[in-house]
C-alpha atoms as a PDB file:
ATOM      1  CA  UNK A   1      -0.187   0.117   0.143  1.00  0.00           C
ATOM      2  CA  UNK A   2       1.186   3.595  -0.415  1.00  0.00           C
ATOM      3  CA  UNK A   3       1.182   6.166   2.075  1.00  0.00           C
ATOM      4  CA  UNK A   4      -2.591   8.084   0.668  1.00  0.00           C
ATOM      5  CA  UNK A   5      -4.106   4.718   0.556  1.00  0.00           C
ATOM      6  CA  UNK A   6      -3.005   4.010   4.346  1.00  0.00           C
ATOM      7  CA  UNK A   7      -4.325   7.692   5.190  1.00  0.00           C
ATOM      8  CA  UNK A   8      -7.813   6.193   3.610  1.00  0.00           C
ATOM      9  CA  UNK A   9      -8.175   3.334   5.722  1.00  0.00           C
ATOM     10  CA  UNK A  10      -9.971   4.391   9.158  1.00  0.00           C
ATOM     11  CA  UNK A  11     -10.581   1.783  11.996  1.00  0.00           C
ATOM     12  CA  UNK A  12     -13.684   2.631  13.492  1.00  0.00           C
ATOM     13  CA  UNK A  13     -13.674   2.710  17.114  1.00  0.00           C
ATOM     14  CA  UNK A  14     -16.357   0.272  18.626  1.00  0.00           C
ATOM     15  CA  UNK A  15     -19.652   2.274  19.162  1.00  0.00           C
ATOM     16  CA  UNK A  16     -19.496   2.862  23.333  1.00  0.00           C
ATOM     17  CA  UNK A  17     -21.383   0.264  25.101  1.00  0.00           C
ATOM     18  CA  UNK A  18     -23.804   2.281  27.808  1.00  0.00           C
ATOM     19  CA  UNK A  19     -22.355   0.306  31.444  1.00  0.00           C
ATOM     20  CA  UNK A  20     -24.264  -1.618  33.161  1.00  0.00           C
ATOM     21  CA  UNK A  21     -24.726   0.720  36.264  1.00  0.00           C
ATOM     22  CA  UNK A  22     -26.193   3.479  33.398  1.00  0.00           C
ATOM     23  CA  UNK A  23     -28.711   0.470  31.822  1.00  0.00           C
ATOM     24  CA  UNK A  24     -30.018   0.030  35.626  1.00  0.00           C
ATOM     25  CA  UNK A  25     -30.012   3.051  37.577  1.00  0.00           C
ATOM     26  CA  UNK A  26     -33.156   3.906  36.199  1.00  0.00           C
ATOM     27  CA  UNK A  27     -34.607   1.049  37.240  1.00  0.00           C
ATOM     28  CA  UNK A  28     -32.766   1.125  41.222  1.00  0.00           C
ATOM     29  CA  UNK A  29     -34.502   5.182  40.985  1.00  0.00           C
ATOM     30  CA  UNK A  30     -38.000   3.869  40.168  1.00  0.00           C
ATOM     31  CA  UNK A  31     -37.993   0.707  42.294  1.00  0.00           C
ATOM     32  CA  UNK A  32     -36.655   3.236  44.837  1.00  0.00           C
ATOM     33  CA  UNK A  33     -38.669   5.729  44.544  1.00  0.00           C
ATOM     34  CA  UNK A  34     -41.873   2.969  44.287  1.00  0.00           C
ATOM     35  CA  UNK A  35     -40.525   1.617  47.503  1.00  0.00           C
ATOM     36  CA  UNK A  36     -40.662   4.906  49.337  1.00  0.00           C
ATOM     37  CA  UNK A  37     -44.267   5.708  48.471  1.00  0.00           C
ATOM     38  CA  UNK A  38     -45.441   1.728  49.172  1.00  0.00           C
ATOM     39  CA  UNK A  39     -43.923   1.852  52.726  1.00  0.00           C
ATOM     40  CA  UNK A  40     -45.208   5.425  53.689  1.00  0.00           C
ATOM     41  CA  UNK A  41     -48.612   3.751  52.998  1.00  0.00           C
ATOM     42  CA  UNK A  42     -48.234   0.958  54.795  1.00  0.00           C
ATOM     43  CA  UNK A  43     -46.860   2.684  57.779  1.00  0.00           C
ATOM     44  CA  UNK A  44     -49.477   5.270  57.372  1.00  0.00           C
ATOM     45  CA  UNK A  45     -52.356   2.256  57.877  1.00  0.00           C
ATOM     46  CA  UNK A  46     -50.066   1.178  60.993  1.00  0.00           C
ATOM     47  CA  UNK A  47     -50.501   4.467  62.208  1.00  0.00           C
ATOM     48  CA  UNK A  48     -54.017   4.634  61.658  1.00  0.00           C
ATOM     49  CA  UNK A  49     -55.051   0.885  63.083  1.00  0.00           C
ATOM     50  CA  UNK A  50     -52.567  -0.410  65.968  1.00  0.00           C
ATOM     51  CA  UNK A  51     -52.756  -3.773  66.443  1.00  0.00           C
ATOM     52  CA  UNK A  52     -53.218  -3.740  70.806  1.00  0.00           C
ATOM     53  CA  UNK A  53     -50.462  -5.920  72.454  1.00  0.00           C
ATOM     54  CA  UNK A  54     -51.410  -9.628  72.222  1.00  0.00           C
ATOM     55  CA  UNK A  55     -53.817  -8.708  69.641  1.00  0.00           C
ATOM     56  CA  UNK A  56     -55.122  -9.801  65.721  1.00  0.00           C
ATOM     57  CA  UNK A  57     -52.661  -7.410  63.658  1.00  0.00           C
ATOM     58  CA  UNK A  58     -55.260  -6.479  61.476  1.00  0.00           C
ATOM     59  CA  UNK A  59     -53.626  -3.849  59.596  1.00  0.00           C
ATOM     60  CA  UNK A  60     -50.356  -6.117  58.487  1.00  0.00           C
ATOM     61  CA  UNK A  61     -52.651  -9.247  57.649  1.00  0.00           C
ATOM     62  CA  UNK A  62     -54.534  -6.373  55.726  1.00  0.00           C
ATOM     63  CA  UNK A  63     -51.846  -4.768  53.938  1.00  0.00           C
ATOM     64  CA  UNK A  64     -50.488  -8.036  52.461  1.00  0.00           C
ATOM     65  CA  UNK A  65     -54.212  -9.702  51.599  1.00  0.00           C
ATOM     66  CA  UNK A  66     -54.544  -6.093  49.960  1.00  0.00           C
ATOM     67  CA  UNK A  67     -51.457  -5.876  48.157  1.00  0.00           C
ATOM     68  CA  UNK A  68     -51.604  -9.717  47.115  1.00  0.00           C
ATOM     69  CA  UNK A  69     -54.338  -8.647  45.342  1.00  0.00           C
ATOM     70  CA  UNK A  70     -53.369  -5.461  43.350  1.00  0.00           C
ATOM     71  CA  UNK A  71     -50.493  -7.615  42.754  1.00  0.00           C
ATOM     72  CA  UNK A  72     -52.519  -9.839  40.650  1.00  0.00           C
ATOM     73  CA  UNK A  73     -54.780  -7.178  39.112  1.00  0.00           C
ATOM     74  CA  UNK A  74     -51.747  -5.818  38.026  1.00  0.00           C
ATOM     75  CA  UNK A  75     -49.898  -8.516  36.457  1.00  0.00           C
ATOM     76  CA  UNK A  76     -52.889  -9.578  34.329  1.00  0.00           C
ATOM     77  CA  UNK A  77     -52.821  -6.031  33.518  1.00  0.00           C
ATOM     78  CA  UNK A  78     -49.310  -5.892  32.283  1.00  0.00           C
ATOM     79  CA  UNK A  79     -48.901  -9.181  30.532  1.00  0.00           C
ATOM     80  CA  UNK A  80     -52.224  -9.653  28.751  1.00  0.00           C
ATOM     81  CA  UNK A  81     -53.330  -6.184  27.844  1.00  0.00           C
ATOM     82  CA  UNK A  82     -51.309  -3.002  28.742  1.00  0.00           C
ATOM     83  CA  UNK A  83     -48.102  -2.549  27.389  1.00  0.00           C
ATOM     84  CA  UNK A  84     -46.041  -1.097  29.602  1.00  0.00           C
ATOM     85  CA  UNK A  85     -42.854   1.182  29.732  1.00  0.00           C
ATOM     86  CA  UNK A  86     -40.287  -0.931  30.800  1.00  0.00           C
ATOM     87  CA  UNK A  87     -39.961   1.129  33.865  1.00  0.00           C
ATOM     88  CA  UNK A  88     -43.651   0.306  35.195  1.00  0.00           C
ATOM     89  CA  UNK A  89     -43.481  -3.010  36.405  1.00  0.00           C
ATOM     90  CA  UNK A  90     -40.090  -2.366  38.118  1.00  0.00           C
ATOM     91  CA  UNK A  91     -41.677   1.044  39.918  1.00  0.00           C
ATOM     92  CA  UNK A  92     -45.278  -0.575  40.826  1.00  0.00           C
ATOM     93  CA  UNK A  93     -44.790  -4.272  41.038  1.00  0.00           C
ATOM     94  CA  UNK A  94     -41.493  -4.297  43.018  1.00  0.00           C
ATOM     95  CA  UNK A  95     -41.196  -0.635  44.173  1.00  0.00           C
ATOM     96  CA  UNK A  96     -44.773   0.478  45.770  1.00  0.00           C
ATOM     97  CA  UNK A  97     -46.098  -3.104  45.871  1.00  0.00           C
ATOM     98  CA  UNK A  98     -43.027  -4.586  47.388  1.00  0.00           C
ATOM     99  CA  UNK A  99     -43.098  -1.265  49.861  1.00  0.00           C
ATOM    100  CA  UNK A 100     -46.210  -1.779  51.127  1.00  0.00           C
ATOM    101  CA  UNK A 101     -46.826  -5.689  51.474  1.00  0.00           C
ATOM    102  CA  UNK A 102     -44.556  -6.596  54.686  1.00  0.00           C
ATOM    103  CA  UNK A 103     -43.686 -10.487  55.159  1.00  0.00           C
ATOM    104  CA  UNK A 104     -41.012  -9.262  57.522  1.00  0.00           C
ATOM    105  CA  UNK A 105     -43.671  -7.412  60.157  1.00  0.00           C
ATOM    106  CA  UNK A 106     -45.976 -10.685  59.665  1.00  0.00           C
ATOM    107  CA  UNK A 107     -42.906 -12.669  60.611  1.00  0.00           C
ATOM    108  CA  UNK A 108     -41.982  -9.953  63.558  1.00  0.00           C
ATOM    109  CA  UNK A 109     -45.963  -9.711  64.478  1.00  0.00           C
ATOM    110  CA  UNK A 110     -46.294 -13.906  64.461  1.00  0.00           C
ATOM    111  CA  UNK A 111     -42.898 -13.605  67.131  1.00  0.00           C
ATOM    112  CA  UNK A 112     -44.977 -10.657  69.279  1.00  0.00           C
ATOM    113  CA  UNK A 113     -47.782 -12.934  69.280  1.00  0.00           C
ATOM    114  CA  UNK A 114     -46.001 -16.368  70.658  1.00  0.00           C
ATOM    115  CA  UNK A 115     -43.803 -13.652  73.531  1.00  0.00           C
ATOM    116  CA  UNK A 116     -47.243 -12.322  74.459  1.00  0.00           C
ATOM    117  CA  UNK A 117     -48.057 -15.781  75.180  1.00  0.00           C
ATOM    118  CA  UNK A 118     -50.948 -16.139  72.588  1.00  0.00           C
ATOM    119  CA  UNK A 119     -48.920 -18.827  70.433  1.00  0.00           C
ATOM    120  CA  UNK A 120     -52.422 -20.136  68.805  1.00  0.00           C
ATOM    121  CA  UNK A 121     -53.401 -16.839  67.950  1.00  0.00           C
ATOM    122  CA  UNK A 122     -50.044 -16.453  66.085  1.00  0.00           C
ATOM    123  CA  UNK A 123     -50.189 -19.953  64.811  1.00  0.00           C
ATOM    124  CA  UNK A 124     -54.310 -18.709  63.506  1.00  0.00           C
ATOM    125  CA  UNK A 125     -52.715 -15.223  62.169  1.00  0.00           C
ATOM    126  CA  UNK A 126     -49.744 -17.532  60.098  1.00  0.00           C
ATOM    127  CA  UNK A 127     -51.399 -19.870  58.818  1.00  0.00           C
ATOM    128  CA  UNK A 128     -54.381 -16.845  57.780  1.00  0.00           C
ATOM    129  CA  UNK A 129     -52.237 -14.507  56.220  1.00  0.00           C
ATOM    130  CA  UNK A 130     -50.780 -17.674  53.988  1.00  0.00           C
ATOM    131  CA  UNK A 131     -53.778 -18.284  52.737  1.00  0.00           C
ATOM    132  CA  UNK A 132     -55.820 -15.464  52.568  1.00  0.00           C
ATOM    133  CA  UNK A 133     -52.827 -13.493  50.442  1.00  0.00           C
ATOM    134  CA  UNK A 134     -52.569 -16.772  48.293  1.00  0.00           C
ATOM    135  CA  UNK A 135     -56.153 -16.611  47.626  1.00  0.00           C
ATOM    136  CA  UNK A 136     -56.077 -12.628  47.091  1.00  0.00           C
ATOM    137  CA  UNK A 137     -54.228 -13.259  44.578  1.00  0.00           C
ATOM    138  CA  UNK A 138     -55.340 -16.028  42.552  1.00  0.00           C
ATOM    139  CA  UNK A 139     -58.998 -14.778  43.017  1.00  0.00           C
ATOM    140  CA  UNK A 140     -57.888 -10.890  41.797  1.00  0.00           C
ATOM    141  CA  UNK A 141     -55.874 -12.106  38.510  1.00  0.00           C
ATOM    142  CA  UNK A 142     -58.812 -14.521  37.916  1.00  0.00           C
ATOM    143  CA  UNK A 143     -61.202 -11.901  38.094  1.00  0.00           C
ATOM    144  CA  UNK A 144     -58.991  -9.332  36.042  1.00  0.00           C
ATOM    145  CA  UNK A 145     -58.904 -11.948  33.207  1.00  0.00           C
ATOM    146  CA  UNK A 146     -62.474 -12.278  33.427  1.00  0.00           C
ATOM    147  CA  UNK A 147     -63.490  -8.911  33.172  1.00  0.00           C
ATOM    148  CA  UNK A 148     -60.948  -8.848  30.283  1.00  0.00           C
ATOM    149  CA  UNK A 149     -62.339 -11.477  28.621  1.00  0.00           C
ATOM    150  CA  UNK A 150     -65.804 -10.556  28.542  1.00  0.00           C
ATOM    151  CA  UNK A 151     -64.692  -6.473  27.491  1.00  0.00           C
ATOM    152  CA  UNK A 152     -63.197  -8.335  24.678  1.00  0.00           C
ATOM    153  CA  UNK A 153     -66.247 -10.298  23.385  1.00  0.00           C
END
């Protein structure tokens, strides 16, 4: 090759890839924001409806059951109906509903009931929450799917 030919051959640099962090930063941000909103709503509910010492923790129970029902409807909507933006699921599903529902507080509540000398109530709460949460997510998703099927007809 002659000198002019080598000058005309240019090696293009590889396109810059976005770093993994830059790609995930918006997801982390919306999960954090949603989690703050969901946890704040749950905290407000527990302040409005406190459980007496040794009493059934209705606020936590209802929070978990309602949150599971909402996630059931939400999953039907974003998988069967709505082509959601890539940040909707992390924001609402993981963030808001993850912050709103609280299975860690559920475990602490069981321990408090046992420590208060109410192991039977603690066992009842343990089983009732699991059964009600599973039933609510299943019923809510089935109902949402059924409503959507009727609407499409």
